[in-house]
Protein backbone atom coordinates (compact mmCIF):
# COMPACT_ATOMS: atom_id res chain seq x y z
CA MET A 1 -7.43 15.00 0.53
CA TYR A 2 -10.82 13.58 0.15
CA ILE A 3 -13.00 11.79 -2.96
CA VAL A 4 -15.62 13.79 -4.78
CA VAL A 5 -17.82 11.43 -7.18
CA GLU A 6 -20.09 13.25 -9.94
CA GLY A 7 -23.80 13.37 -8.57
CA GLU A 8 -25.74 13.71 -5.88
CA ASP A 9 -25.74 10.42 -4.68
CA PRO A 10 -23.42 7.79 -6.11
CA GLY A 11 -25.63 5.32 -4.30
CA PHE A 12 -22.56 3.76 -2.22
CA ASP A 13 -20.29 5.66 0.89
CA ILE A 14 -17.78 7.70 -0.80
CA PHE A 15 -16.19 8.43 3.12
CA VAL A 16 -12.53 7.94 2.59
CA ASN A 17 -9.61 9.19 5.57
CA GLY A 18 -6.75 10.85 3.62
CA HIS A 19 -5.05 12.74 6.56
CA ALA A 20 -1.96 10.28 5.73
CA LEU A 21 -1.89 10.97 1.73
CA ALA A 22 -2.09 14.90 2.67
CA ARG A 23 0.98 14.92 4.85
CA ASN A 24 2.50 12.49 2.37
CA GLU A 25 1.82 14.30 -0.54
CA ASP A 26 4.77 15.55 -1.36
CA SER A 27 6.28 12.09 -0.55
CA LEU A 28 4.06 10.35 -2.79
CA GLU A 29 4.42 13.10 -5.31
CA ARG A 30 7.84 12.28 -6.09
CA LEU A 31 7.42 8.79 -5.87
CA ALA A 32 4.34 8.72 -8.39
CA GLU A 33 7.18 10.63 -10.65
CA ARG A 34 9.64 7.80 -10.27
CA LEU A 35 6.70 5.13 -11.15
CA SER A 36 5.43 7.18 -14.09
CA VAL A 37 2.30 7.61 -13.03
CA PRO A 38 -0.06 11.11 -12.10
CA ALA A 39 0.55 12.25 -8.52
CA LEU A 40 -2.73 12.15 -6.41
CA LEU A 41 -3.16 16.24 -6.87
CA GLU A 42 -2.88 15.74 -10.14
CA PHE A 43 -6.31 14.60 -9.82
CA PHE A 44 -7.75 17.82 -7.53
CA SER A 45 -10.49 19.76 -8.37
CA ALA A 46 -12.37 22.54 -6.98
CA ASP A 47 -16.19 22.42 -7.60
CA LEU A 48 -18.74 24.89 -5.42
CA ASN A 49 -19.53 22.74 -2.69
CA SER A 50 -16.00 21.66 -1.78
CA MET A 51 -15.33 25.92 -2.33
CA ALA A 52 -18.46 26.83 -0.09
CA LEU A 53 -16.75 23.83 2.68
CA LEU A 54 -13.42 25.73 2.61
CA LEU A 55 -15.49 29.23 2.97
CA ASP A 56 -16.66 28.19 5.86
CA GLN A 57 -13.57 26.97 7.58
CA GLY A 58 -12.16 30.81 6.55
CA ALA A 59 -10.13 30.09 3.54
CA GLY A 60 -10.92 32.64 0.65
CA ASN A 61 -14.14 35.19 0.28
CA LEU A 62 -16.71 34.87 -1.74
CA GLU A 63 -16.25 36.54 -4.75
CA TRP A 64 -13.49 33.91 -5.57
CA THR A 65 -16.16 31.05 -6.03
CA GLU A 66 -17.84 33.37 -8.80
CA THR A 67 -14.57 33.03 -10.89
CA LEU A 68 -14.14 29.41 -10.36
CA PRO A 69 -13.86 26.94 -13.65
CA GLN A 70 -15.95 24.45 -13.79
CA PRO A 71 -14.89 21.32 -12.20
CA GLN A 72 -12.55 18.72 -13.66
CA TRP A 73 -13.41 14.71 -13.49
CA PHE A 74 -11.46 12.11 -14.02
CA LYS A 75 -12.25 8.20 -14.82
CA PRO A 76 -11.77 6.15 -12.13
CA GLU A 77 -9.19 4.01 -13.42
CA ASP A 78 -6.89 7.02 -14.29
CA GLY A 79 -7.06 7.36 -10.56
CA LEU A 80 -6.89 3.78 -9.81
CA ARG A 81 -3.82 3.06 -11.71
CA THR A 82 -1.71 5.42 -9.44
CA ILE A 83 -3.22 4.00 -6.51
CA ARG A 84 -2.36 0.40 -7.68
CA ALA A 85 1.62 1.59 -8.40
CA ILE A 86 2.11 3.76 -5.24
CA SER A 87 0.30 0.49 -2.94
CA ASP A 88 1.79 -2.14 -4.58
CA PHE A 89 5.47 0.16 -4.48
CA LEU A 90 4.79 0.08 -0.74
CA VAL A 91 4.55 -3.38 -0.33
CA MET A 92 7.81 -3.94 -1.81
CA SER A 93 9.35 -1.04 0.49
CA PRO A 94 7.48 -1.27 3.58
CA VAL A 95 9.45 1.66 5.47
CA ALA A 96 9.29 4.16 2.03
CA LEU A 97 7.31 6.50 4.13
CA GLY A 98 8.64 5.69 7.63
CA SER A 99 6.06 5.20 10.40
CA ASP A 100 3.39 6.44 8.29
CA THR A 101 3.45 3.51 4.98
CA GLU A 102 0.79 1.94 7.23
CA ALA A 103 -1.45 4.50 7.16
CA VAL A 104 -0.55 5.65 3.78
CA SER A 105 -1.18 2.34 2.46
CA ARG A 106 -4.74 2.00 4.39
CA GLU A 107 -5.94 5.22 2.93
CA LEU A 108 -4.67 3.90 -0.70
CA ARG A 109 -7.28 0.94 0.02
CA GLU A 110 -9.71 3.19 1.10
CA TYR A 111 -9.44 5.16 -2.38
CA GLU A 112 -9.56 2.11 -4.15
CA THR A 113 -12.43 0.90 -2.68
CA VAL A 114 -14.09 3.86 -3.73
CA LEU A 115 -12.69 4.59 -7.02
CA ARG A 116 -13.76 0.99 -7.86
CA LYS A 117 -17.45 1.52 -6.89
CA THR A 118 -16.87 4.93 -9.05
CA SER A 119 -16.06 2.77 -12.30
CA LEU A 120 -18.62 0.11 -11.42
CA HIS A 121 -21.42 2.43 -11.41
CA GLY A 122 -20.68 4.29 -14.55
CA LEU A 123 -19.74 7.94 -12.59
CA ARG A 124 -16.13 10.01 -12.74
CA TRP A 125 -14.75 11.65 -9.94
CA HIS A 126 -12.51 14.04 -8.64
CA LEU A 127 -9.60 15.18 -5.32
CA ALA A 128 -11.14 17.71 -3.06
CA VAL A 129 -8.81 19.40 0.16
CA SER A 130 -10.18 20.36 3.10
CA TRP A 131 -7.59 22.38 5.77
CA ARG A 132 -9.47 21.06 8.82
């Protein structure tokens, strides 16, 4: 799972490593529900660039991209609310995700950094998924 920021070049590095988050998505979704915040995948949206990447990886077909809805964009503050709630919980329960807790916490910090910068630049964002 990775962050896409609205526009061609936001002017800052948006790279995040979402491997641990993707591996633990089911547990994180249940945790988000328990914490009364939106799950990370609620911020998923598909844009033409991310769908082109999926096509390059062999998923789907070109006709599929012609029927895509417009991408949804979210306020960074909404994502930050989820990320901070989950991060705070993991600080209080450091074994909540077993051996992946530290990796998930690290990736949540990366997401938080990018979303804070996104907010400072007045931009919006969404999550995309790569199956590589």
